[in-house]
């Protein structure tokens, strides 16, 4: 498999702008199919989607703040699952992380996990807003709650997006037991390759075409 094709199969081709229209989602799906990405990721209100057989569908939950009540996140996840979504990217409650309440962080994640069994659950930890210790603690809580992936960022937080440091630390924490998704500010082929080298096995990109254009066939 070429480098371009290999990286394409790691990409969640993403459109999460609040003003995104149904026509733009249709264009996203067509582009994802053309590029050969793993999935498309859209806001919950744009579900359900009709996609080609090889393309998976993902959505977000508790996005972008993570400050929603667990019951609301769980209901959002269950609704998405009923609409055919295969993967759900939820945002942790950052207040609980900052207060050092790892049990409550785990309970929040577990509430969503129980509501969407059968779907892949990715936990967005907003790594740029956390200390290294908080990154480690949150990754451990996600694993204990039954998550499938930990993910760096929403791409909407003023602290920033993915970094190779955060990805490497997340990978070191979860080992090969969970996936690691790098997302937020990845706009070039060099960025994408650096994230994979650091330990990411999924990439959240809105600039997928530009990233893949910089890779060899």
C-alpha atoms as a PDB file:
ATOM      1  CA  UNK A   1       0.000   0.000   0.000  1.00  0.00           C
ATOM      2  CA  UNK A   2       1.331   3.455  -0.871  1.00  0.00           C
ATOM      3  CA  UNK A   3       2.031   6.007   1.828  1.00  0.00           C
ATOM      4  CA  UNK A   4      -0.848   8.118   0.536  1.00  0.00           C
ATOM      5  CA  UNK A   5      -3.339   5.250   0.647  1.00  0.00           C
ATOM      6  CA  UNK A   6      -2.122   4.125   4.066  1.00  0.00           C
ATOM      7  CA  UNK A   7      -2.549   7.572   5.595  1.00  0.00           C
ATOM      8  CA  UNK A   8      -5.920   8.032   3.880  1.00  0.00           C
ATOM      9  CA  UNK A   9      -7.250   4.958   5.695  1.00  0.00           C
ATOM     10  CA  UNK A  10      -6.379   6.585   9.020  1.00  0.00           C
ATOM     11  CA  UNK A  11      -8.423   9.723   8.344  1.00  0.00           C
ATOM     12  CA  UNK A  12     -11.766  10.759   9.767  1.00  0.00           C
ATOM     13  CA  UNK A  13     -12.659  13.376   7.126  1.00  0.00           C
ATOM     14  CA  UNK A  14     -14.304  16.004   9.266  1.00  0.00           C
ATOM     15  CA  UNK A  15     -16.793  18.846   8.926  1.00  0.00           C
ATOM     16  CA  UNK A  16     -17.880  20.249  12.284  1.00  0.00           C
ATOM     17  CA  UNK A  17     -18.391  23.937  11.543  1.00  0.00           C
ATOM     18  CA  UNK A  18     -21.735  24.909  13.104  1.00  0.00           C
ATOM     19  CA  UNK A  19     -22.834  26.582   9.874  1.00  0.00           C
ATOM     20  CA  UNK A  20     -22.159  23.489   7.749  1.00  0.00           C
ATOM     21  CA  UNK A  21     -25.012  22.757   5.338  1.00  0.00           C
ATOM     22  CA  UNK A  22     -26.406  19.498   4.003  1.00  0.00           C
ATOM     23  CA  UNK A  23     -24.924  20.350   0.597  1.00  0.00           C
ATOM     24  CA  UNK A  24     -21.490  20.718   2.168  1.00  0.00           C
ATOM     25  CA  UNK A  25     -21.893  17.353   3.870  1.00  0.00           C
ATOM     26  CA  UNK A  26     -22.756  15.783   0.518  1.00  0.00           C
ATOM     27  CA  UNK A  27     -19.549  17.280  -0.869  1.00  0.00           C
ATOM     28  CA  UNK A  28     -17.620  15.963   2.142  1.00  0.00           C
ATOM     29  CA  UNK A  29     -18.880  12.441   1.528  1.00  0.00           C
ATOM     30  CA  UNK A  30     -18.004  12.602  -2.163  1.00  0.00           C
ATOM     31  CA  UNK A  31     -14.521  13.891  -1.385  1.00  0.00           C
ATOM     32  CA  UNK A  32     -13.968  11.249   1.307  1.00  0.00           C
ATOM     33  CA  UNK A  33     -14.944   8.497  -1.127  1.00  0.00           C
ATOM     34  CA  UNK A  34     -12.598   9.927  -3.755  1.00  0.00           C
ATOM     35  CA  UNK A  35      -9.702  10.249  -1.297  1.00  0.00           C
ATOM     36  CA  UNK A  36     -10.254   6.827   0.263  1.00  0.00           C
ATOM     37  CA  UNK A  37     -10.544   8.043   3.867  1.00  0.00           C
ATOM     38  CA  UNK A  38     -11.737   5.772   6.665  1.00  0.00           C
ATOM     39  CA  UNK A  39     -14.762   7.818   7.641  1.00  0.00           C
ATOM     40  CA  UNK A  40     -16.619  11.090   7.611  1.00  0.00           C
ATOM     41  CA  UNK A  41     -17.333  12.899  10.871  1.00  0.00           C
ATOM     42  CA  UNK A  42     -20.189  15.414  11.095  1.00  0.00           C
ATOM     43  CA  UNK A  43     -22.354  17.109  13.707  1.00  0.00           C
ATOM     44  CA  UNK A  44     -25.231  15.069  15.167  1.00  0.00           C
ATOM     45  CA  UNK A  45     -27.945  17.268  13.655  1.00  0.00           C
ATOM     46  CA  UNK A  46     -26.794  16.273  10.170  1.00  0.00           C
ATOM     47  CA  UNK A  47     -27.513  12.575  10.731  1.00  0.00           C
ATOM     48  CA  UNK A  48     -28.391  10.130   9.303  1.00  0.00           C
ATOM     49  CA  UNK A  49     -26.065   9.947   6.307  1.00  0.00           C
ATOM     50  CA  UNK A  50     -26.042   7.824   3.197  1.00  0.00           C
ATOM     51  CA  UNK A  51     -22.468   6.860   2.378  1.00  0.00           C
ATOM     52  CA  UNK A  52     -20.691   4.364   0.116  1.00  0.00           C
ATOM     53  CA  UNK A  53     -20.201   0.926   1.667  1.00  0.00           C
ATOM     54  CA  UNK A  54     -16.477   1.375   2.336  1.00  0.00           C
ATOM     55  CA  UNK A  55     -16.972   4.649   4.201  1.00  0.00           C
ATOM     56  CA  UNK A  56     -17.754   4.750   7.928  1.00  0.00           C
ATOM     57  CA  UNK A  57     -19.784   7.406   9.741  1.00  0.00           C
ATOM     58  CA  UNK A  58     -18.727   9.200  12.915  1.00  0.00           C
ATOM     59  CA  UNK A  59     -20.210  12.027  14.962  1.00  0.00           C
ATOM     60  CA  UNK A  60     -19.424  14.041  18.072  1.00  0.00           C
ATOM     61  CA  UNK A  61     -21.011  14.077  21.514  1.00  0.00           C
ATOM     62  CA  UNK A  62     -20.899  16.791  24.186  1.00  0.00           C
ATOM     63  CA  UNK A  63     -19.141  18.921  21.589  1.00  0.00           C
ATOM     64  CA  UNK A  64     -17.177  21.126  21.786  1.00  0.00           C
ATOM     65  CA  UNK A  65     -17.122  22.085  25.487  1.00  0.00           C
ATOM     66  CA  UNK A  66     -17.662  18.724  27.177  1.00  0.00           C
ATOM     67  CA  UNK A  67     -19.532  20.586  29.925  1.00  0.00           C
ATOM     68  CA  UNK A  68     -22.879  18.906  29.229  1.00  0.00           C
ATOM     69  CA  UNK A  69     -24.525  16.695  31.850  1.00  0.00           C
ATOM     70  CA  UNK A  70     -23.604  13.035  31.443  1.00  0.00           C
ATOM     71  CA  UNK A  71     -27.264  12.173  30.844  1.00  0.00           C
ATOM     72  CA  UNK A  72     -27.376  14.610  27.938  1.00  0.00           C
ATOM     73  CA  UNK A  73     -24.193  13.180  26.430  1.00  0.00           C
ATOM     74  CA  UNK A  74     -25.565   9.673  26.813  1.00  0.00           C
ATOM     75  CA  UNK A  75     -28.841  10.596  25.133  1.00  0.00           C
ATOM     76  CA  UNK A  76     -26.968  12.273  22.293  1.00  0.00           C
ATOM     77  CA  UNK A  77     -24.806   9.188  21.808  1.00  0.00           C
ATOM     78  CA  UNK A  78     -27.802   6.828  21.855  1.00  0.00           C
ATOM     79  CA  UNK A  79     -29.633   8.971  19.311  1.00  0.00           C
ATOM     80  CA  UNK A  80     -26.606   8.950  17.017  1.00  0.00           C
ATOM     81  CA  UNK A  81     -26.287   5.181  17.322  1.00  0.00           C
ATOM     82  CA  UNK A  82     -29.955   4.797  16.353  1.00  0.00           C
ATOM     83  CA  UNK A  83     -29.227   6.884  13.252  1.00  0.00           C
ATOM     84  CA  UNK A  84     -26.561   4.513  12.013  1.00  0.00           C
ATOM     85  CA  UNK A  85     -23.386   6.063  13.381  1.00  0.00           C
ATOM     86  CA  UNK A  86     -20.508   3.636  13.915  1.00  0.00           C
ATOM     87  CA  UNK A  87     -18.136   5.881  15.864  1.00  0.00           C
ATOM     88  CA  UNK A  88     -18.721   8.564  18.497  1.00  0.00           C
ATOM     89  CA  UNK A  89     -16.157  11.166  19.572  1.00  0.00           C
ATOM     90  CA  UNK A  90     -17.152  12.505  23.006  1.00  0.00           C
ATOM     91  CA  UNK A  91     -15.596  15.414  24.892  1.00  0.00           C
ATOM     92  CA  UNK A  92     -14.630  14.904  28.517  1.00  0.00           C
ATOM     93  CA  UNK A  93     -15.804  17.261  31.236  1.00  0.00           C
ATOM     94  CA  UNK A  94     -12.725  19.446  31.574  1.00  0.00           C
ATOM     95  CA  UNK A  95     -13.865  20.897  34.896  1.00  0.00           C
ATOM     96  CA  UNK A  96     -13.714  17.439  36.417  1.00  0.00           C
ATOM     97  CA  UNK A  97     -10.264  16.905  34.925  1.00  0.00           C
ATOM     98  CA  UNK A  98      -9.001  20.217  36.317  1.00  0.00           C
ATOM     99  CA  UNK A  99     -10.481  19.444  39.731  1.00  0.00           C
ATOM    100  CA  UNK A 100      -8.576  16.156  39.756  1.00  0.00           C
ATOM    101  CA  UNK A 101     -11.707  14.042  40.123  1.00  0.00           C
ATOM    102  CA  UNK A 102     -10.647  11.041  38.078  1.00  0.00           C
ATOM    103  CA  UNK A 103     -13.556   8.931  39.329  1.00  0.00           C
ATOM    104  CA  UNK A 104     -16.061  11.498  38.064  1.00  0.00           C
ATOM    105  CA  UNK A 105     -14.237  11.744  34.722  1.00  0.00           C
ATOM    106  CA  UNK A 106     -14.461   7.973  34.403  1.00  0.00           C
ATOM    107  CA  UNK A 107     -18.150   7.992  35.342  1.00  0.00           C
ATOM    108  CA  UNK A 108     -18.905  10.623  32.698  1.00  0.00           C
ATOM    109  CA  UNK A 109     -17.209   8.547  30.017  1.00  0.00           C
ATOM    110  CA  UNK A 110     -18.798   5.350  31.251  1.00  0.00           C
ATOM    111  CA  UNK A 111     -22.251   6.900  30.963  1.00  0.00           C
ATOM    112  CA  UNK A 112     -21.669   7.481  27.250  1.00  0.00           C
ATOM    113  CA  UNK A 113     -20.030   4.076  26.809  1.00  0.00           C
ATOM    114  CA  UNK A 114     -23.090   2.334  28.201  1.00  0.00           C
ATOM    115  CA  UNK A 115     -25.402   4.344  25.944  1.00  0.00           C
ATOM    116  CA  UNK A 116     -23.605   3.446  22.729  1.00  0.00           C
ATOM    117  CA  UNK A 117     -22.384  -0.110  23.068  1.00  0.00           C
ATOM    118  CA  UNK A 118     -21.703  -1.403  19.592  1.00  0.00           C
ATOM    119  CA  UNK A 119     -20.129   1.878  18.485  1.00  0.00           C
ATOM    120  CA  UNK A 120     -16.456   2.804  18.636  1.00  0.00           C
ATOM    121  CA  UNK A 121     -16.041   5.399  21.396  1.00  0.00           C
ATOM    122  CA  UNK A 122     -13.287   7.999  21.143  1.00  0.00           C
ATOM    123  CA  UNK A 123     -12.687  10.299  24.118  1.00  0.00           C
ATOM    124  CA  UNK A 124     -11.527  13.830  23.323  1.00  0.00           C
ATOM    125  CA  UNK A 125      -9.324  14.973  26.194  1.00  0.00           C
ATOM    126  CA  UNK A 126      -8.442  18.479  24.861  1.00  0.00           C
ATOM    127  CA  UNK A 127      -4.762  17.793  25.466  1.00  0.00           C
ATOM    128  CA  UNK A 128      -3.523  21.328  24.752  1.00  0.00           C
ATOM    129  CA  UNK A 129      -5.485  22.564  27.775  1.00  0.00           C
ATOM    130  CA  UNK A 130      -4.054  19.898  30.111  1.00  0.00           C
ATOM    131  CA  UNK A 131      -0.829  19.258  31.974  1.00  0.00           C
ATOM    132  CA  UNK A 132       1.048  16.045  31.309  1.00  0.00           C
ATOM    133  CA  UNK A 133      -0.282  14.627  34.559  1.00  0.00           C
ATOM    134  CA  UNK A 134      -3.845  15.485  33.552  1.00  0.00           C
ATOM    135  CA  UNK A 135      -3.340  13.884  30.137  1.00  0.00           C
ATOM    136  CA  UNK A 136      -2.169  10.654  31.755  1.00  0.00           C
ATOM    137  CA  UNK A 137      -4.974  10.648  34.328  1.00  0.00           C
ATOM    138  CA  UNK A 138      -7.657  11.300  31.716  1.00  0.00           C
ATOM    139  CA  UNK A 139      -6.346   8.600  29.398  1.00  0.00           C
ATOM    140  CA  UNK A 140      -6.411   6.139  32.281  1.00  0.00           C
ATOM    141  CA  UNK A 141      -9.994   7.131  33.116  1.00  0.00           C
ATOM    142  CA  UNK A 142     -11.004   6.648  29.482  1.00  0.00           C
ATOM    143  CA  UNK A 143      -9.472   3.187  29.413  1.00  0.00           C
ATOM    144  CA  UNK A 144     -11.105   2.207  32.694  1.00  0.00           C
ATOM    145  CA  UNK A 145     -14.489   3.374  31.367  1.00  0.00           C
ATOM    146  CA  UNK A 146     -14.240   1.169  28.286  1.00  0.00           C
ATOM    147  CA  UNK A 147     -13.302   3.671  25.588  1.00  0.00           C
ATOM    148  CA  UNK A 148     -11.743   2.458  22.348  1.00  0.00           C
ATOM    149  CA  UNK A 149      -9.655   5.560  21.550  1.00  0.00           C
ATOM    150  CA  UNK A 150      -8.315   8.650  23.231  1.00  0.00           C
ATOM    151  CA  UNK A 151      -8.232  11.751  21.059  1.00  0.00           C
ATOM    152  CA  UNK A 152      -6.217  14.940  21.435  1.00  0.00           C
ATOM    153  CA  UNK A 153      -8.542  17.791  20.591  1.00  0.00           C
ATOM    154  CA  UNK A 154     -11.818  19.224  19.357  1.00  0.00           C
ATOM    155  CA  UNK A 155     -10.035  21.758  17.168  1.00  0.00           C
ATOM    156  CA  UNK A 156     -12.173  24.482  18.763  1.00  0.00           C
ATOM    157  CA  UNK A 157     -10.319  25.153  22.030  1.00  0.00           C
ATOM    158  CA  UNK A 158      -8.223  28.353  22.210  1.00  0.00           C
ATOM    159  CA  UNK A 159      -5.367  26.408  23.827  1.00  0.00           C
ATOM    160  CA  UNK A 160      -4.706  24.698  20.493  1.00  0.00           C
ATOM    161  CA  UNK A 161      -4.873  21.315  18.846  1.00  0.00           C
ATOM    162  CA  UNK A 162      -2.760  18.202  18.534  1.00  0.00           C
ATOM    163  CA  UNK A 163       0.940  18.032  19.338  1.00  0.00           C
ATOM    164  CA  UNK A 164       3.392  15.205  18.853  1.00  0.00           C
ATOM    165  CA  UNK A 165       4.266  15.459  22.543  1.00  0.00           C
ATOM    166  CA  UNK A 166       0.677  14.851  23.590  1.00  0.00           C
ATOM    167  CA  UNK A 167       0.232  12.008  21.115  1.00  0.00           C
ATOM    168  CA  UNK A 168       3.402  10.286  22.311  1.00  0.00           C
ATOM    169  CA  UNK A 169       2.350  10.668  25.948  1.00  0.00           C
ATOM    170  CA  UNK A 170      -1.126   9.337  25.220  1.00  0.00           C
ATOM    171  CA  UNK A 171       0.322   6.341  23.370  1.00  0.00           C
ATOM    172  CA  UNK A 172       2.756   5.647  26.199  1.00  0.00           C
ATOM    173  CA  UNK A 173      -0.156   5.723  28.654  1.00  0.00           C
ATOM    174  CA  UNK A 174      -2.584   3.449  26.798  1.00  0.00           C
ATOM    175  CA  UNK A 175      -0.022   1.228  25.081  1.00  0.00           C
ATOM    176  CA  UNK A 176      -1.556  -0.876  22.341  1.00  0.00           C
ATOM    177  CA  UNK A 177      -4.774  -1.372  24.305  1.00  0.00           C
ATOM    178  CA  UNK A 178      -6.519   1.724  22.895  1.00  0.00           C
ATOM    179  CA  UNK A 179      -6.258   3.739  19.732  1.00  0.00           C
ATOM    180  CA  UNK A 180      -4.886   7.269  19.708  1.00  0.00           C
ATOM    181  CA  UNK A 181      -6.456   9.883  17.451  1.00  0.00           C
ATOM    182  CA  UNK A 182      -4.640  13.120  16.638  1.00  0.00           C
ATOM    183  CA  UNK A 183      -6.930  15.982  15.672  1.00  0.00           C
ATOM    184  CA  UNK A 184      -6.771  19.753  15.553  1.00  0.00           C
ATOM    185  CA  UNK A 185      -4.422  21.851  13.426  1.00  0.00           C
ATOM    186  CA  UNK A 186      -3.079  19.033  11.219  1.00  0.00           C
ATOM    187  CA  UNK A 187      -2.882  20.713   7.829  1.00  0.00           C
ATOM    188  CA  UNK A 188       0.152  19.301   5.999  1.00  0.00           C
ATOM    189  CA  UNK A 189       1.556  15.923   5.039  1.00  0.00           C
ATOM    190  CA  UNK A 190       4.493  16.545   7.375  1.00  0.00           C
ATOM    191  CA  UNK A 191       2.094  17.208  10.263  1.00  0.00           C
ATOM    192  CA  UNK A 192       0.192  13.991   9.579  1.00  0.00           C
ATOM    193  CA  UNK A 193       3.308  11.851   9.302  1.00  0.00           C
ATOM    194  CA  UNK A 194       4.714  13.326  12.511  1.00  0.00           C
ATOM    195  CA  UNK A 195       1.528  12.439  14.388  1.00  0.00           C
ATOM    196  CA  UNK A 196       1.610   8.872  13.094  1.00  0.00           C
ATOM    197  CA  UNK A 197       5.285   8.579  14.007  1.00  0.00           C
ATOM    198  CA  UNK A 198       4.437   9.790  17.516  1.00  0.00           C
ATOM    199  CA  UNK A 199       1.846   7.036  17.917  1.00  0.00           C
ATOM    200  CA  UNK A 200      -1.443   8.115  16.329  1.00  0.00           C
ATOM    201  CA  UNK A 201      -3.392   5.451  14.462  1.00  0.00           C
ATOM    202  CA  UNK A 202      -6.278   7.733  13.519  1.00  0.00           C
ATOM    203  CA  UNK A 203      -6.263  11.323  12.258  1.00  0.00           C
ATOM    204  CA  UNK A 204      -9.060  13.860  12.394  1.00  0.00           C
ATOM    205  CA  UNK A 205      -8.668  16.174   9.417  1.00  0.00           C
ATOM    206  CA  UNK A 206     -10.705  18.794   7.650  1.00  0.00           C
ATOM    207  CA  UNK A 207      -7.847  19.500   5.209  1.00  0.00           C
ATOM    208  CA  UNK A 208      -7.594  15.867   4.085  1.00  0.00           C
ATOM    209  CA  UNK A 209      -7.119  16.653   0.400  1.00  0.00           C
ATOM    210  CA  UNK A 210      -4.265  19.062   1.052  1.00  0.00           C
ATOM    211  CA  UNK A 211      -2.574  16.615   3.425  1.00  0.00           C
ATOM    212  CA  UNK A 212      -2.823  13.689   1.042  1.00  0.00           C
ATOM    213  CA  UNK A 213      -1.666  15.771  -1.917  1.00  0.00           C
ATOM    214  CA  UNK A 214       1.707  16.055  -0.193  1.00  0.00           C
ATOM    215  CA  UNK A 215       2.170  12.284   0.023  1.00  0.00           C
ATOM    216  CA  UNK A 216       3.558   9.936  -2.595  1.00  0.00           C
ATOM    217  CA  UNK A 217       1.352   7.454  -4.453  1.00  0.00           C
END
